[in-house]
Protein backbone atom coordinates (compact mmCIF):
# COMPACT_ATOMS: atom_id res chain seq x y z
CA MET A 1 -8.21 -3.81 2.91
CA LEU A 2 -10.32 -5.48 0.24
CA ALA A 3 -11.81 -8.99 0.14
CA ALA A 4 -14.16 -10.88 -2.17
CA ASP A 5 -15.41 -14.36 -2.93
CA SER A 6 -15.08 -15.94 -6.39
CA ARG A 7 -18.59 -17.00 -7.43
CA VAL A 8 -20.53 -15.56 -10.35
CA THR A 9 -23.96 -16.70 -11.46
CA LEU A 10 -25.32 -16.82 -15.00
CA ASN A 11 -29.05 -17.34 -15.42
CA ALA A 12 -30.28 -19.26 -18.44
CA GLN A 13 -33.93 -19.28 -19.52
CA ILE A 14 -35.33 -22.64 -20.61
CA GLN A 15 -38.72 -22.81 -22.32
CA THR A 16 -40.52 -25.92 -21.08
CA LEU A 17 -44.08 -25.71 -22.45
CA PRO A 18 -45.81 -23.26 -24.79
CA GLY A 19 -47.56 -20.52 -22.85
CA VAL A 20 -45.69 -21.33 -19.64
CA PRO A 21 -43.14 -18.82 -18.29
CA PRO A 22 -39.58 -19.97 -18.98
CA LEU A 23 -37.67 -21.79 -16.28
CA ILE A 24 -34.76 -19.77 -14.87
CA LEU A 25 -31.75 -22.04 -14.39
CA PRO A 26 -28.82 -20.52 -12.47
CA SER A 27 -25.31 -21.74 -13.27
CA PHE A 28 -22.48 -21.09 -10.80
CA PHE A 29 -18.82 -20.49 -11.61
CA ASP A 30 -16.48 -20.42 -8.62
CA ASN A 31 -13.24 -19.12 -10.13
CA ALA A 32 -14.12 -15.56 -11.10
CA THR A 33 -12.02 -12.64 -9.91
CA LYS A 34 -13.92 -9.84 -8.17
CA LEU A 35 -10.88 -8.20 -6.55
CA LEU A 36 -9.46 -5.90 -9.20
CA LYS A 37 -5.91 -4.55 -9.41
CA VAL A 38 -4.66 -2.14 -12.09
CA LYS A 39 -0.96 -2.28 -12.88
CA SER A 40 -0.32 1.45 -13.20
CA GLN A 41 -2.15 2.43 -9.99
CA LYS A 42 -0.23 1.21 -6.94
CA TYR A 43 -2.38 2.77 -4.23
CA VAL A 44 -5.90 1.85 -5.33
CA GLY A 45 -7.96 -1.31 -5.89
CA ALA A 46 -11.58 -2.30 -6.45
CA ILE A 47 -14.19 -4.91 -5.62
CA THR A 48 -17.16 -5.73 -7.85
CA TYR A 49 -20.44 -7.37 -6.88
CA GLY A 50 -24.05 -7.51 -8.05
CA VAL A 51 -24.49 -8.45 -11.70
CA GLY A 52 -21.48 -10.63 -12.44
CA SER A 53 -21.13 -10.11 -16.18
CA ILE A 54 -21.91 -7.86 -19.12
CA GLY A 55 -23.58 -9.32 -22.21
CA THR A 56 -25.80 -12.29 -22.99
CA PRO A 57 -25.02 -15.65 -21.33
CA GLN A 58 -23.33 -16.80 -24.53
CA GLN A 59 -21.21 -13.63 -24.77
CA ALA A 60 -20.91 -12.74 -21.09
CA ARG A 61 -17.73 -11.07 -19.84
CA THR A 62 -16.83 -10.45 -16.20
CA ALA A 63 -15.52 -7.12 -14.97
CA HIS A 64 -12.08 -8.67 -14.49
CA SER A 65 -11.90 -9.71 -18.15
CA TYR A 66 -12.12 -6.04 -19.17
CA LEU A 67 -9.11 -4.94 -17.09
CA PRO A 68 -6.53 -5.02 -19.93
CA GLU A 69 -8.78 -2.75 -21.99
CA PHE A 70 -9.29 -0.41 -19.05
CA GLU A 71 -5.57 -0.34 -18.29
CA ALA A 72 -4.90 0.70 -21.90
CA THR A 73 -6.88 3.91 -21.28
CA LEU A 74 -4.63 4.96 -18.38
CA THR A 75 -1.15 6.42 -18.14
CA ASP A 76 1.40 5.77 -15.42
CA ASP A 77 0.43 8.99 -13.66
CA PRO A 78 -1.20 8.22 -10.30
CA LEU A 79 -4.90 8.99 -9.99
CA THR A 80 -6.72 10.00 -6.85
CA VAL A 81 -9.09 7.39 -5.47
CA GLU A 82 -12.04 9.46 -6.63
CA GLY A 83 -10.44 10.05 -10.02
CA PHE A 84 -9.80 6.33 -10.45
CA ALA A 85 -13.39 5.54 -9.47
CA GLN A 86 -14.70 8.06 -11.99
CA ARG A 87 -12.56 6.65 -14.82
CA LEU A 88 -13.59 3.09 -13.91
CA SER A 89 -17.25 4.10 -13.85
CA GLU A 90 -17.08 5.82 -17.23
CA PHE A 91 -15.36 2.79 -18.75
CA PHE A 92 -17.86 0.22 -17.49
CA LEU A 93 -20.90 2.37 -18.25
CA ALA A 94 -19.69 2.51 -21.86
CA ARG A 95 -19.18 -1.28 -21.94
CA TRP A 96 -22.65 -1.77 -20.43
CA ASN A 97 -24.29 0.37 -23.08
CA ASP A 98 -22.21 -1.15 -25.91
CA ALA A 99 -23.53 -4.59 -24.92
CA HIS A 100 -27.14 -3.28 -24.97
CA MET A 101 -27.67 -4.17 -21.35
CA PRO A 102 -30.90 -2.80 -19.80
CA ASN A 103 -30.63 0.88 -18.92
CA PRO A 104 -32.26 1.68 -16.60
CA ALA A 105 -31.62 -1.69 -15.00
CA PRO A 106 -34.26 -3.57 -12.98
CA PRO A 107 -33.95 -3.33 -9.17
CA ARG A 108 -30.85 -5.11 -7.80
CA GLN A 109 -29.56 -5.69 -11.34
CA ASP A 110 -26.60 -3.28 -11.33
CA MET A 111 -22.92 -4.09 -11.56
CA VAL A 112 -21.59 -2.42 -8.41
CA PHE A 113 -18.03 -1.35 -7.64
CA LEU A 114 -16.28 -0.41 -4.41
CA VAL A 115 -13.03 1.48 -4.97
CA GLY A 116 -10.58 1.99 -2.11
CA GLY A 117 -7.10 3.35 -1.62
CA TYR A 118 -4.98 6.39 -0.86
CA ASP A 119 -4.49 9.70 -2.64
CA ASP A 120 -0.79 9.96 -3.46
CA ASP A 121 -0.39 13.62 -2.48
CA GLN A 122 -2.54 13.63 0.64
CA ALA A 123 -1.69 12.85 4.27
CA ALA A 124 -5.27 11.82 5.05
CA TYR A 125 -6.48 8.29 5.64
CA GLY A 126 -7.75 5.98 2.93
CA ARG A 127 -10.93 6.66 0.99
CA VAL A 128 -13.71 4.38 -0.32
CA PHE A 129 -16.10 5.15 -3.17
CA GLU A 130 -19.07 3.20 -4.47
CA PHE A 131 -20.91 3.39 -7.79
CA TYR A 132 -23.60 1.40 -9.59
CA ILE A 133 -23.59 0.62 -13.31
CA PRO A 134 -25.85 1.80 -14.87
CA SER A 135 -28.15 3.29 -12.19
CA ARG A 136 -25.77 5.46 -10.14
CA PRO A 137 -22.55 5.97 -12.11
CA ILE A 138 -21.31 8.97 -10.10
CA PRO A 139 -18.93 7.67 -7.37
CA ASN A 140 -20.18 8.29 -3.85
CA GLU A 141 -17.81 8.30 -0.86
CA THR A 142 -19.08 5.73 1.65
CA LEU A 143 -17.00 6.87 4.65
CA PRO A 144 -16.55 10.64 4.17
CA GLY A 145 -14.57 12.90 6.44
CA GLY A 146 -11.94 10.36 7.46
CA GLN A 147 -14.43 8.01 9.13
CA PHE A 148 -13.33 4.51 10.10
CA GLY A 149 -15.55 1.55 9.31
CA ALA A 150 -16.45 -1.12 6.79
CA THR A 151 -18.45 -1.19 3.57
CA TRP A 152 -19.87 -4.39 2.10
CA GLY A 153 -22.44 -5.41 -0.47
CA GLY A 154 -23.88 -8.20 -2.56
CA GLN A 155 -25.75 -10.86 -0.60
CA ALA A 156 -25.16 -8.94 2.60
CA GLU A 157 -27.88 -10.38 4.84
CA ILE A 158 -25.63 -12.66 6.91
CA ALA A 159 -22.75 -10.20 7.24
CA SER A 160 -25.21 -7.48 8.25
CA ARG A 161 -26.76 -9.68 10.93
CA LEU A 162 -23.32 -10.39 12.37
CA VAL A 163 -22.04 -6.81 12.33
CA LEU A 164 -25.13 -4.61 12.53
CA GLY A 165 -27.28 -7.03 14.52
CA TYR A 166 -30.13 -7.17 12.01
CA ASP A 167 -30.93 -8.00 8.40
CA PRO A 168 -31.02 -4.93 6.08
CA ARG A 169 -34.61 -5.85 5.19
CA THR A 170 -35.73 -5.46 8.81
CA THR A 171 -36.79 -1.81 8.64
CA GLY A 172 -39.04 -2.47 5.65
CA VAL A 173 -40.62 -5.53 7.32
CA VAL A 174 -41.26 -3.61 10.57
CA ARG A 175 -42.73 -0.59 8.83
CA GLU A 176 -45.00 -2.78 6.71
CA PHE A 177 -46.18 -4.73 9.75
CA PHE A 178 -47.04 -1.58 11.72
CA HIS A 179 -48.31 0.30 8.65
CA SER A 180 -45.77 3.02 9.37
CA PRO A 181 -44.21 4.36 6.14
CA VAL A 182 -41.31 6.77 6.24
CA GLN A 183 -42.60 10.33 6.55
CA ALA A 184 -42.46 12.31 3.30
CA GLU A 185 -40.02 14.88 4.68
CA LEU A 186 -37.57 12.08 5.52
CA VAL A 187 -37.52 10.48 2.07
CA GLY A 188 -33.92 10.47 0.86
CA GLN A 189 -32.64 10.83 4.43
CA PRO A 190 -31.44 8.08 6.80
CA ASP A 191 -34.41 6.16 8.15
CA PRO A 192 -34.70 6.95 11.91
CA LEU A 193 -35.69 3.33 12.55
CA ASP A 194 -32.54 2.12 10.79
CA VAL A 195 -30.40 4.55 12.79
CA GLU A 196 -31.97 3.38 16.06
CA LEU A 197 -31.41 -0.30 15.24
CA LYS A 198 -27.77 0.34 14.43
CA ASN A 199 -27.23 2.31 17.63
CA LYS A 200 -28.80 -0.41 19.78
CA LEU A 201 -27.84 -3.67 18.04
CA GLN A 202 -24.59 -3.35 16.09
CA ALA A 203 -21.50 -5.18 17.31
CA PRO A 204 -19.25 -2.81 19.32
CA ILE A 205 -16.27 -3.11 16.98
CA PRO A 206 -13.65 -0.37 17.54
CA TRP A 207 -12.90 0.17 13.84
CA GLN A 208 -10.35 2.92 14.44
CA PHE A 209 -8.38 0.61 16.78
CA LEU A 210 -8.29 -2.62 14.74
CA PRO A 211 -4.83 -3.68 13.53
CA LEU A 212 -4.66 -4.52 9.84
CA GLN A 213 -4.45 -8.25 10.57
CA ASP A 214 -7.71 -8.11 12.52
CA CYS A 215 -9.36 -6.37 9.56
CA VAL A 216 -8.18 -9.18 7.29
CA ASP A 217 -9.43 -11.83 9.73
CA LEU A 218 -12.82 -10.15 10.10
CA SER A 219 -13.41 -9.80 6.38
CA ILE A 220 -12.56 -13.46 5.76
CA PHE A 221 -14.84 -14.47 8.65
CA LEU A 222 -17.81 -12.55 7.20
CA ILE A 223 -17.41 -13.99 3.71
CA ARG A 224 -16.74 -17.51 4.99
CA SER A 225 -19.79 -17.31 7.28
CA THR A 226 -21.95 -16.31 4.33
CA ILE A 227 -20.63 -19.21 2.23
CA ALA A 228 -21.20 -21.66 5.09
CA MET A 229 -24.74 -20.46 5.89
CA GLN A 230 -25.81 -20.57 2.25
CA LYS A 231 -25.19 -24.33 2.23
CA TRP A 232 -28.40 -24.80 4.24
CA ILE A 233 -30.78 -22.12 3.02
CA ILE A 234 -33.34 -22.30 0.20
CA ALA A 235 -32.28 -19.27 -1.78
CA LEU A 236 -29.78 -18.20 -4.41
CA ARG A 237 -26.37 -19.39 -3.23
CA GLY A 238 -24.45 -16.55 -4.81
CA VAL A 239 -21.34 -16.54 -2.59
CA GLY A 240 -18.67 -19.21 -2.94
CA GLY A 241 -15.28 -20.26 -4.19
CA ALA A 242 -11.95 -18.99 -2.92
CA ILE A 243 -11.65 -15.73 -0.97
CA ASP A 244 -9.22 -13.19 -2.43
CA VAL A 245 -7.81 -10.62 0.00
CA ALA A 246 -5.52 -7.63 -0.46
CA THR A 247 -4.32 -4.73 1.64
CA ILE A 248 -3.49 -1.20 0.52
CA THR A 249 -1.17 0.81 2.75
CA ARG A 250 0.51 4.18 2.32
CA THR A 251 3.95 2.58 2.48
CA GLU A 252 3.55 -0.64 0.46
CA GLY A 253 0.57 0.09 -1.76
CA PHE A 254 -1.54 -2.79 -3.05
CA GLN A 255 -0.41 -6.18 -1.70
CA TYR A 256 -2.18 -9.53 -2.01
CA VAL A 257 -2.68 -11.36 1.29
CA GLN A 258 -4.17 -14.41 -0.38
CA GLN A 259 -5.03 -14.99 -4.03
CA LYS A 260 -6.35 -18.06 -5.79
CA LYS A 261 -3.96 -19.69 -8.24
CA ILE A 262 -4.40 -21.55 -11.49
CA CYS A 263 -3.66 -25.20 -10.84
CA GLY A 264 -3.89 -28.58 -12.51
CA GLU A 265 -5.52 -31.78 -11.39
CA VAL A 266 -4.73 -32.77 -7.83
CA THR A 267 -3.53 -36.37 -7.63
CA LYS A 268 -2.63 -38.56 -4.67
């Protein structure tokens, strides 16, 4: 199942005084669509997070706004989840470069996609792939070998504390405090400290047992908790708006559980 909030942030630079760095003014829009469905592909869907748009603030376009153009590049033939992820990555990398976006991008300035679904001709369980535009465009499977679990991203600090038991920045803070960098031979490998924290602190959720409804409830809880907590913190409040949720099953394919609607003014 897939779930996402609806907030995107555009940062405008305002020059206040000569010789003074410009003021960065974030503007929030709470009706964006980050849960992506492609008409011709019944058994796959995607979530986007990170950089919310491509182009300058005056010409910015969200990932969702490009869907008709992406759909025009596909046929009705079903793609594998990996094949769909690869096509989606190639499409958005081209759009990124066409808009003269920074490549390589600064740290944490990628447009990230999670692609999940089922391969039409396989009896295996669902698959999830992740890729970063422009830094890591090759899709990487997040739960290989039929593993059960969850993958999330964006402003993940609160969700990580609830599920893993610690903030993802914890390992870096601890290593800096104790002056204990990762050993050279372990660079590129899972940090042993991170592995130990997960083994000792993460919530004992039986992922392989959870009914689909529980997965839906948990995903909404994590996003809603993030939205609620951000009301009180002094930081970028990048999560908000309605929560869109969909399931993908081998029998029914992509089905919306809840989806925001266009509406007019509410009157009493």
